[in-house]
Amino acid sequence: MLNCLACVKQAVGNLDRVTRVVKMLGFVNCVPGYGEQPAAINGASDLLVALFGEVGRHARSIGVHALPSNVSVEVELTVEVDEA
């Protein structure tokens, strides 16, 4: 999530321009039968709410059992920003 926020800041100049966190997608590389993917992604969701308050509450999807290059977690973030 820190990398996602750094990318948002680089793209828009300031995280204060975020008016809403729309959606976060979390992908967890795990063995078949593992069912705790939401717990692995909770820290990212919690951070967004801690940083942005109600604006940080978001829709969320979680999935997959394998990721490219065998990375452990991949996160995608969609935010709405003020045009000013």
PDB file of N, CA and C in Angstrom:
ATOM      1  N   MET A   1       0.826  -1.191   0.000  1.00  0.00           N
ATOM      2  CA  MET A   1       0.000   0.000   0.000  1.00  0.00           C
ATOM      3  C   MET A   1       0.867   1.250   0.000  1.00  0.00           C
ATOM      4  N   LEU A   2       1.986   1.193   0.681  1.00  0.00           N
ATOM      5  CA  LEU A   2       2.874   2.358   0.684  1.00  0.00           C
ATOM      6  C   LEU A   2       3.359   2.677  -0.729  1.00  0.00           C
ATOM      7  N   ASN A   3       3.649   1.655  -1.521  1.00  0.00           N
ATOM      8  CA  ASN A   3       4.050   1.889  -2.915  1.00  0.00           C
ATOM      9  C   ASN A   3       2.904   2.505  -3.714  1.00  0.00           C
ATOM     10  N   CYS A   4       1.676   2.036  -3.496  1.00  0.00           N
ATOM     11  CA  CYS A   4       0.517   2.607  -4.192  1.00  0.00           C
ATOM     12  C   CYS A   4       0.364   4.079  -3.840  1.00  0.00           C
ATOM     13  N   LEU A   5       0.470   4.404  -2.568  1.00  0.00           N
ATOM     14  CA  LEU A   5       0.319   5.797  -2.137  1.00  0.00           C
ATOM     15  C   LEU A   5       1.439   6.666  -2.702  1.00  0.00           C
ATOM     16  N   ALA A   6       2.648   6.128  -2.776  1.00  0.00           N
ATOM     17  CA  ALA A   6       3.761   6.880  -3.367  1.00  0.00           C
ATOM     18  C   ALA A   6       3.487   7.158  -4.842  1.00  0.00           C
ATOM     19  N   CYS A   7       2.906   6.201  -5.548  1.00  0.00           N
ATOM     20  CA  CYS A   7       2.562   6.404  -6.963  1.00  0.00           C
ATOM     21  C   CYS A   7       1.473   7.457  -7.127  1.00  0.00           C
ATOM     22  N   VAL A   8       0.474   7.423  -6.235  1.00  0.00           N
ATOM     23  CA  VAL A   8      -0.584   8.434  -6.285  1.00  0.00           C
ATOM     24  C   VAL A   8       0.018   9.822  -6.047  1.00  0.00           C
ATOM     25  N   LYS A   9       0.863   9.922  -5.045  1.00  0.00           N
ATOM     26  CA  LYS A   9       1.489  11.214  -4.742  1.00  0.00           C
ATOM     27  C   LYS A   9       2.318  11.714  -5.914  1.00  0.00           C
ATOM     28  N   GLN A  10       3.065  10.822  -6.535  1.00  0.00           N
ATOM     29  CA  GLN A  10       3.878  11.221  -7.690  1.00  0.00           C
ATOM     30  C   GLN A  10       2.988  11.683  -8.848  1.00  0.00           C
ATOM     31  N   ALA A  11       1.870  11.023  -9.044  1.00  0.00           N
ATOM     32  CA  ALA A  11       0.986  11.349 -10.171  1.00  0.00           C
ATOM     33  C   ALA A  11       0.222  12.651  -9.969  1.00  0.00           C
ATOM     34  N   VAL A  12      -0.215  12.920  -8.728  1.00  0.00           N
ATOM     35  CA  VAL A  12      -1.074  14.087  -8.503  1.00  0.00           C
ATOM     36  C   VAL A  12      -0.401  15.186  -7.687  1.00  0.00           C
ATOM     37  N   GLY A  13       0.774  14.917  -7.147  1.00  0.00           N
ATOM     38  CA  GLY A  13       1.534  15.945  -6.449  1.00  0.00           C
ATOM     39  C   GLY A  13       1.348  15.996  -4.950  1.00  0.00           C
ATOM     40  N   ASN A  14       0.180  15.562  -4.446  1.00  0.00           N
ATOM     41  CA  ASN A  14      -0.090  15.696  -3.013  1.00  0.00           C
ATOM     42  C   ASN A  14      -1.245  14.772  -2.641  1.00  0.00           C
ATOM     43  N   LEU A  15      -1.069  13.995  -1.592  1.00  0.00           N
ATOM     44  CA  LEU A  15      -2.139  13.089  -1.174  1.00  0.00           C
ATOM     45  C   LEU A  15      -3.358  13.828  -0.634  1.00  0.00           C
ATOM     46  N   ASP A  16      -3.206  15.103  -0.312  1.00  0.00           N
ATOM     47  CA  ASP A  16      -4.362  15.894   0.130  1.00  0.00           C
ATOM     48  C   ASP A  16      -5.386  16.070  -0.992  1.00  0.00           C
ATOM     49  N   ARG A  17      -4.997  15.808  -2.225  1.00  0.00           N
ATOM     50  CA  ARG A  17      -5.926  15.907  -3.352  1.00  0.00           C
ATOM     51  C   ARG A  17      -6.850  14.699  -3.472  1.00  0.00           C
ATOM     52  N   VAL A  18      -6.575  13.633  -2.727  1.00  0.00           N
ATOM     53  CA  VAL A  18      -7.434  12.446  -2.763  1.00  0.00           C
ATOM     54  C   VAL A  18      -8.765  12.790  -2.102  1.00  0.00           C
ATOM     55  N   THR A  19      -9.837  12.673  -2.868  1.00  0.00           N
ATOM     56  CA  THR A  19     -11.174  12.972  -2.330  1.00  0.00           C
ATOM     57  C   THR A  19     -11.931  11.701  -1.959  1.00  0.00           C
ATOM     58  N   ARG A  20     -11.466  10.562  -2.502  1.00  0.00           N
ATOM     59  CA  ARG A  20     -12.125   9.297  -2.175  1.00  0.00           C
ATOM     60  C   ARG A  20     -11.241   8.143  -2.618  1.00  0.00           C
ATOM     61  N   VAL A  21     -11.128   7.142  -1.752  1.00  0.00           N
ATOM     62  CA  VAL A  21     -10.514   5.881  -2.158  1.00  0.00           C
ATOM     63  C   VAL A  21     -11.662   5.026  -2.679  1.00  0.00           C
ATOM     64  N   VAL A  22     -11.646   4.731  -3.962  1.00  0.00           N
ATOM     65  CA  VAL A  22     -12.759   4.049  -4.604  1.00  0.00           C
ATOM     66  C   VAL A  22     -12.684   2.554  -4.375  1.00  0.00           C
ATOM     67  N   LYS A  23     -11.558   1.939  -4.719  1.00  0.00           N
ATOM     68  CA  LYS A  23     -11.461   0.489  -4.645  1.00  0.00           C
ATOM     69  C   LYS A  23     -10.013   0.052  -4.502  1.00  0.00           C
ATOM     70  N   MET A  24      -9.843  -1.031  -3.773  1.00  0.00           N
ATOM     71  CA  MET A  24      -8.551  -1.677  -3.665  1.00  0.00           C
ATOM     72  C   MET A  24      -8.716  -3.130  -4.087  1.00  0.00           C
ATOM     73  N   LEU A  25      -7.821  -3.590  -4.941  1.00  0.00           N
ATOM     74  CA  LEU A  25      -7.770  -5.000  -5.307  1.00  0.00           C
ATOM     75  C   LEU A  25      -6.545  -5.602  -4.640  1.00  0.00           C
ATOM     76  N   GLY A  26      -6.721  -6.686  -3.942  1.00  0.00           N
ATOM     77  CA  GLY A  26      -5.607  -7.359  -3.291  1.00  0.00           C
ATOM     78  C   GLY A  26      -5.462  -8.773  -3.821  1.00  0.00           C
ATOM     79  N   PHE A  27      -4.270  -9.119  -4.266  1.00  0.00           N
ATOM     80  CA  PHE A  27      -3.988 -10.448  -4.789  1.00  0.00           C
ATOM     81  C   PHE A  27      -2.976 -11.115  -3.868  1.00  0.00           C
ATOM     82  N   VAL A  28      -3.303 -12.300  -3.384  1.00  0.00           N
ATOM     83  CA  VAL A  28      -2.448 -12.999  -2.426  1.00  0.00           C
ATOM     84  C   VAL A  28      -1.996 -14.322  -3.037  1.00  0.00           C
ATOM     85  N   ASN A  29      -0.696 -14.514  -3.149  1.00  0.00           N
ATOM     86  CA  ASN A  29      -0.118 -15.753  -3.645  1.00  0.00           C
ATOM     87  C   ASN A  29      -0.192 -16.787  -2.528  1.00  0.00           C
ATOM     88  N   CYS A  30      -0.969 -17.822  -2.721  1.00  0.00           N
ATOM     89  CA  CYS A  30      -1.156 -18.802  -1.653  1.00  0.00           C
ATOM     90  C   CYS A  30      -1.448 -20.187  -2.220  1.00  0.00           C
ATOM     91  N   VAL A  31      -1.372 -21.156  -1.359  1.00  0.00           N
ATOM     92  CA  VAL A  31      -1.642 -22.532  -1.768  1.00  0.00           C
ATOM     93  C   VAL A  31      -3.149 -22.760  -1.852  1.00  0.00           C
ATOM     94  N   PRO A  32      -3.573 -23.691  -2.714  1.00  0.00           N
ATOM     95  CA  PRO A  32      -5.000 -24.027  -2.765  1.00  0.00           C
ATOM     96  C   PRO A  32      -5.511 -24.438  -1.382  1.00  0.00           C
ATOM     97  N   GLY A  33      -6.700 -23.985  -1.060  1.00  0.00           N
ATOM     98  CA  GLY A  33      -7.286 -24.303   0.236  1.00  0.00           C
ATOM     99  C   GLY A  33      -7.066 -23.237   1.297  1.00  0.00           C
ATOM    100  N   TYR A  34      -6.123 -22.321   1.054  1.00  0.00           N
ATOM    101  CA  TYR A  34      -5.896 -21.229   2.004  1.00  0.00           C
ATOM    102  C   TYR A  34      -7.064 -20.258   1.895  1.00  0.00           C
ATOM    103  N   GLY A  35      -7.674 -19.917   3.011  1.00  0.00           N
ATOM    104  CA  GLY A  35      -8.849 -19.068   2.978  1.00  0.00           C
ATOM    105  C   GLY A  35      -8.717 -17.772   3.747  1.00  0.00           C
ATOM    106  N   GLU A  36      -7.507 -17.397   4.099  1.00  0.00           N
ATOM    107  CA  GLU A  36      -7.294 -16.196   4.915  1.00  0.00           C
ATOM    108  C   GLU A  36      -6.792 -15.002   4.110  1.00  0.00           C
ATOM    109  N   GLN A  37      -7.078 -14.978   2.811  1.00  0.00           N
ATOM    110  CA  GLN A  37      -6.636 -13.856   1.976  1.00  0.00           C
ATOM    111  C   GLN A  37      -7.104 -12.511   2.525  1.00  0.00           C
ATOM    112  N   PRO A  38      -8.348 -12.388   3.013  1.00  0.00           N
ATOM    113  CA  PRO A  38      -8.764 -11.088   3.559  1.00  0.00           C
ATOM    114  C   PRO A  38      -7.878 -10.616   4.708  1.00  0.00           C
ATOM    115  N   ALA A  39      -7.450 -11.517   5.565  1.00  0.00           N
ATOM    116  CA  ALA A  39      -6.587 -11.132   6.688  1.00  0.00           C
ATOM    117  C   ALA A  39      -5.243 -10.609   6.189  1.00  0.00           C
ATOM    118  N   ALA A  40      -4.765 -11.167   5.082  1.00  0.00           N
ATOM    119  CA  ALA A  40      -3.484 -10.722   4.531  1.00  0.00           C
ATOM    120  C   ALA A  40      -3.573  -9.317   3.947  1.00  0.00           C
ATOM    121  N   ILE A  41      -4.759  -8.891   3.552  1.00  0.00           N
ATOM    122  CA  ILE A  41      -4.957  -7.589   2.919  1.00  0.00           C
ATOM    123  C   ILE A  41      -5.497  -6.540   3.907  1.00  0.00           C
ATOM    124  N   ASN A  42      -5.952  -6.969   5.059  1.00  0.00           N
ATOM    125  CA  ASN A  42      -6.555  -6.043   6.029  1.00  0.00           C
ATOM    126  C   ASN A  42      -5.644  -4.880   6.401  1.00  0.00           C
ATOM    127  N   GLY A  43      -4.353  -5.114   6.511  1.00  0.00           N
ATOM    128  CA  GLY A  43      -3.430  -4.037   6.883  1.00  0.00           C
ATOM    129  C   GLY A  43      -3.467  -2.885   5.891  1.00  0.00           C
ATOM    130  N   ALA A  44      -3.570  -3.208   4.608  1.00  0.00           N
ATOM    131  CA  ALA A  44      -3.633  -2.163   3.584  1.00  0.00           C
ATOM    132  C   ALA A  44      -4.929  -1.366   3.717  1.00  0.00           C
ATOM    133  N   SER A  45      -6.046  -2.053   3.914  1.00  0.00           N
ATOM    134  CA  SER A  45      -7.326  -1.360   4.099  1.00  0.00           C
ATOM    135  C   SER A  45      -7.308  -0.505   5.351  1.00  0.00           C
ATOM    136  N   ASP A  46      -6.772  -1.063   6.427  1.00  0.00           N
ATOM    137  CA  ASP A  46      -6.708  -0.313   7.689  1.00  0.00           C
ATOM    138  C   ASP A  46      -5.867   0.949   7.551  1.00  0.00           C
ATOM    139  N   LEU A  47      -4.779   0.860   6.804  1.00  0.00           N
ATOM    140  CA  LEU A  47      -3.922   2.030   6.597  1.00  0.00           C
ATOM    141  C   LEU A  47      -4.663   3.130   5.850  1.00  0.00           C
ATOM    142  N   LEU A  48      -5.423   2.767   4.825  1.00  0.00           N
ATOM    143  CA  LEU A  48      -6.179   3.771   4.072  1.00  0.00           C
ATOM    144  C   LEU A  48      -7.183   4.502   4.956  1.00  0.00           C
ATOM    145  N   VAL A  49      -7.866   3.779   5.822  1.00  0.00           N
ATOM    146  CA  VAL A  49      -8.835   4.408   6.723  1.00  0.00           C
ATOM    147  C   VAL A  49      -8.109   5.253   7.767  1.00  0.00           C
ATOM    148  N   ALA A  50      -6.976   4.782   8.253  1.00  0.00           N
ATOM    149  CA  ALA A  50      -6.207   5.556   9.234  1.00  0.00           C
ATOM    150  C   ALA A  50      -5.701   6.862   8.639  1.00  0.00           C
ATOM    151  N   LEU A  51      -5.285   6.834   7.385  1.00  0.00           N
ATOM    152  CA  LEU A  51      -4.753   8.037   6.741  1.00  0.00           C
ATOM    153  C   LEU A  51      -5.826   9.006   6.276  1.00  0.00           C
ATOM    154  N   PHE A  52      -6.914   8.474   5.704  1.00  0.00           N
ATOM    155  CA  PHE A  52      -7.910   9.324   5.057  1.00  0.00           C
ATOM    156  C   PHE A  52      -9.240   9.386   5.795  1.00  0.00           C
ATOM    157  N   GLY A  53      -9.425   8.654   6.879  1.00  0.00           N
ATOM    158  CA  GLY A  53     -10.708   8.640   7.584  1.00  0.00           C
ATOM    159  C   GLY A  53     -11.789   8.042   6.720  1.00  0.00           C
ATOM    160  N   GLU A  54     -12.986   8.610   6.764  1.00  0.00           N
ATOM    161  CA  GLU A  54     -14.120   8.084   5.990  1.00  0.00           C
ATOM    162  C   GLU A  54     -13.856   8.096   4.494  1.00  0.00           C
ATOM    163  N   VAL A  55     -13.068   9.042   4.022  1.00  0.00           N
ATOM    164  CA  VAL A  55     -12.712   9.117   2.603  1.00  0.00           C
ATOM    165  C   VAL A  55     -11.930   7.866   2.191  1.00  0.00           C
ATOM    166  N   GLY A  56     -11.262   7.237   3.151  1.00  0.00           N
ATOM    167  CA  GLY A  56     -10.459   6.050   2.872  1.00  0.00           C
ATOM    168  C   GLY A  56     -11.234   4.747   2.857  1.00  0.00           C
ATOM    169  N   ARG A  57     -12.507   4.763   3.237  1.00  0.00           N
ATOM    170  CA  ARG A  57     -13.316   3.528   3.181  1.00  0.00           C
ATOM    171  C   ARG A  57     -13.581   3.202   1.722  1.00  0.00           C
ATOM    172  N   HIS A  58     -13.412   1.952   1.362  1.00  0.00           N
ATOM    173  CA  HIS A  58     -13.395   1.583  -0.047  1.00  0.00           C
ATOM    174  C   HIS A  58     -14.020   0.213  -0.286  1.00  0.00           C
ATOM    175  N   ALA A  59     -14.388  -0.014  -1.531  1.00  0.00           N
ATOM    176  CA  ALA A  59     -14.765  -1.357  -1.960  1.00  0.00           C
ATOM    177  C   ALA A  59     -13.475  -2.165  -2.071  1.00  0.00           C
ATOM    178  N   ARG A  60     -13.608  -3.481  -1.959  1.00  0.00           N
ATOM    179  CA  ARG A  60     -12.405  -4.304  -1.967  1.00  0.00           C
ATOM    180  C   ARG A  60     -12.694  -5.652  -2.601  1.00  0.00           C
ATOM    181  N   SER A  61     -11.743  -6.123  -3.385  1.00  0.00           N
ATOM    182  CA  SER A  61     -11.805  -7.465  -3.959  1.00  0.00           C
ATOM    183  C   SER A  61     -10.486  -8.158  -3.664  1.00  0.00           C
ATOM    184  N   ILE A  62     -10.567  -9.447  -3.457  1.00  0.00           N
ATOM    185  CA  ILE A  62      -9.375 -10.237  -3.139  1.00  0.00           C
ATOM    186  C   ILE A  62      -9.424 -11.523  -3.946  1.00  0.00           C
ATOM    187  N   GLY A  63      -8.276 -11.950  -4.434  1.00  0.00           N
ATOM    188  CA  GLY A  63      -8.280 -13.212  -5.151  1.00  0.00           C
ATOM    189  C   GLY A  63      -6.921 -13.725  -5.537  1.00  0.00           C
ATOM    190  N   VAL A  64      -6.885 -14.770  -6.277  1.00  0.00           N
ATOM    191  CA  VAL A  64      -5.815 -15.536  -6.915  1.00  0.00           C
ATOM    192  C   VAL A  64      -5.056 -16.468  -5.969  1.00  0.00           C
ATOM    193  N   HIS A  65      -4.476 -17.467  -6.580  1.00  0.00           N
ATOM    194  CA  HIS A  65      -3.623 -18.414  -5.865  1.00  0.00           C
ATOM    195  C   HIS A  65      -2.210 -18.428  -6.419  1.00  0.00           C
ATOM    196  N   ALA A  66      -1.947 -17.605  -7.421  1.00  0.00           N
ATOM    197  CA  ALA A  66      -0.607 -17.513  -7.989  1.00  0.00           C
ATOM    198  C   ALA A  66      -0.416 -16.122  -8.582  1.00  0.00           C
ATOM    199  N   LEU A  67       0.820 -15.634  -8.497  1.00  0.00           N
ATOM    200  CA  LEU A  67       1.158 -14.315  -9.033  1.00  0.00           C
ATOM    201  C   LEU A  67       2.434 -14.402  -9.861  1.00  0.00           C
ATOM    202  N   PRO A  68       2.597 -13.510 -10.839  1.00  0.00           N
ATOM    203  CA  PRO A  68       3.817 -13.514 -11.655  1.00  0.00           C
ATOM    204  C   PRO A  68       5.070 -13.348 -10.794  1.00  0.00           C
ATOM    205  N   SER A  69       6.126 -13.988 -11.202  1.00  0.00           N
ATOM    206  CA  SER A  69       7.427 -13.922 -10.508  1.00  0.00           C
ATOM    207  C   SER A  69       7.342 -14.421  -9.070  1.00  0.00           C
ATOM    208  N   ASN A  70       6.264 -15.120  -8.752  1.00  0.00           N
ATOM    209  CA  ASN A  70       6.071 -15.704  -7.429  1.00  0.00           C
ATOM    210  C   ASN A  70       6.079 -14.663  -6.296  1.00  0.00           C
ATOM    211  N   VAL A  71       5.663 -13.408  -6.597  1.00  0.00           N
ATOM    212  CA  VAL A  71       5.572 -12.402  -5.538  1.00  0.00           C
ATOM    213  C   VAL A  71       4.481 -12.813  -4.559  1.00  0.00           C
ATOM    214  N   SER A  72       4.565 -12.346  -3.339  1.00  0.00           N
ATOM    215  CA  SER A  72       3.618 -12.780  -2.314  1.00  0.00           C
ATOM    216  C   SER A  72       2.291 -12.033  -2.358  1.00  0.00           C
ATOM    217  N   VAL A  73       2.328 -10.725  -2.627  1.00  0.00           N
ATOM    218  CA  VAL A  73       1.111  -9.914  -2.617  1.00  0.00           C
ATOM    219  C   VAL A  73       1.209  -8.843  -3.705  1.00  0.00           C
ATOM    220  N   GLU A  74       0.091  -8.568  -4.330  1.00  0.00           N
ATOM    221  CA  GLU A  74       0.005  -7.462  -5.279  1.00  0.00           C
ATOM    222  C   GLU A  74      -1.237  -6.656  -4.931  1.00  0.00           C
ATOM    223  N   VAL A  75      -1.115  -5.341  -4.965  1.00  0.00           N
ATOM    224  CA  VAL A  75      -2.223  -4.461  -4.604  1.00  0.00           C
ATOM    225  C   VAL A  75      -2.436  -3.448  -5.720  1.00  0.00           C
ATOM    226  N   GLU A  76      -3.695  -3.213  -6.056  1.00  0.00           N
ATOM    227  CA  GLU A  76      -4.065  -2.191  -7.032  1.00  0.00           C
ATOM    228  C   GLU A  76      -5.028  -1.231  -6.341  1.00  0.00           C
ATOM    229  N   LEU A  77      -4.824   0.058  -6.554  1.00  0.00           N
ATOM    230  CA  LEU A  77      -5.608   1.070  -5.862  1.00  0.00           C
ATOM    231  C   LEU A  77      -6.229   2.030  -6.868  1.00  0.00           C
ATOM    232  N   THR A  78      -7.515   2.327  -6.689  1.00  0.00           N
ATOM    233  CA  THR A  78      -8.208   3.316  -7.504  1.00  0.00           C
ATOM    234  C   THR A  78      -8.671   4.436  -6.587  1.00  0.00           C
ATOM    235  N   VAL A  79      -8.262   5.669  -6.887  1.00  0.00           N
ATOM    236  CA  VAL A  79      -8.648   6.810  -6.071  1.00  0.00           C
ATOM    237  C   VAL A  79      -9.273   7.891  -6.945  1.00  0.00           C
ATOM    238  N   GLU A  80     -10.051   8.730  -6.310  1.00  0.00           N
ATOM    239  CA  GLU A  80     -10.615   9.924  -6.949  1.00  0.00           C
ATOM    240  C   GLU A  80      -9.858  11.120  -6.397  1.00  0.00           C
ATOM    241  N   VAL A  81      -9.478  12.042  -7.269  1.00  0.00           N
ATOM    242  CA  VAL A  81      -8.725  13.211  -6.812  1.00  0.00           C
ATOM    243  C   VAL A  81      -9.407  14.511  -7.226  1.00  0.00           C
ATOM    244  N   ASP A  82      -9.151  15.546  -6.452  1.00  0.00           N
ATOM    245  CA  ASP A  82      -9.634  16.883  -6.746  1.00  0.00           C
ATOM    246  C   ASP A  82      -8.889  17.392  -7.970  1.00  0.00           C
ATOM    247  N   GLU A  83      -9.583  17.988  -8.908  1.00  0.00           N
ATOM    248  CA  GLU A  83      -8.953  18.464 -10.139  1.00  0.00           C
ATOM    249  C   GLU A  83      -8.127  19.726  -9.954  1.00  0.00           C
ATOM    250  N   ALA A  84      -8.279  20.395  -8.835  1.00  0.00           N
ATOM    251  CA  ALA A  84      -7.587  21.665  -8.623  1.00  0.00           C
ATOM    252  C   ALA A  84      -6.094  21.549  -8.648  1.00  0.00           C
TER     253      ALA A  84
END
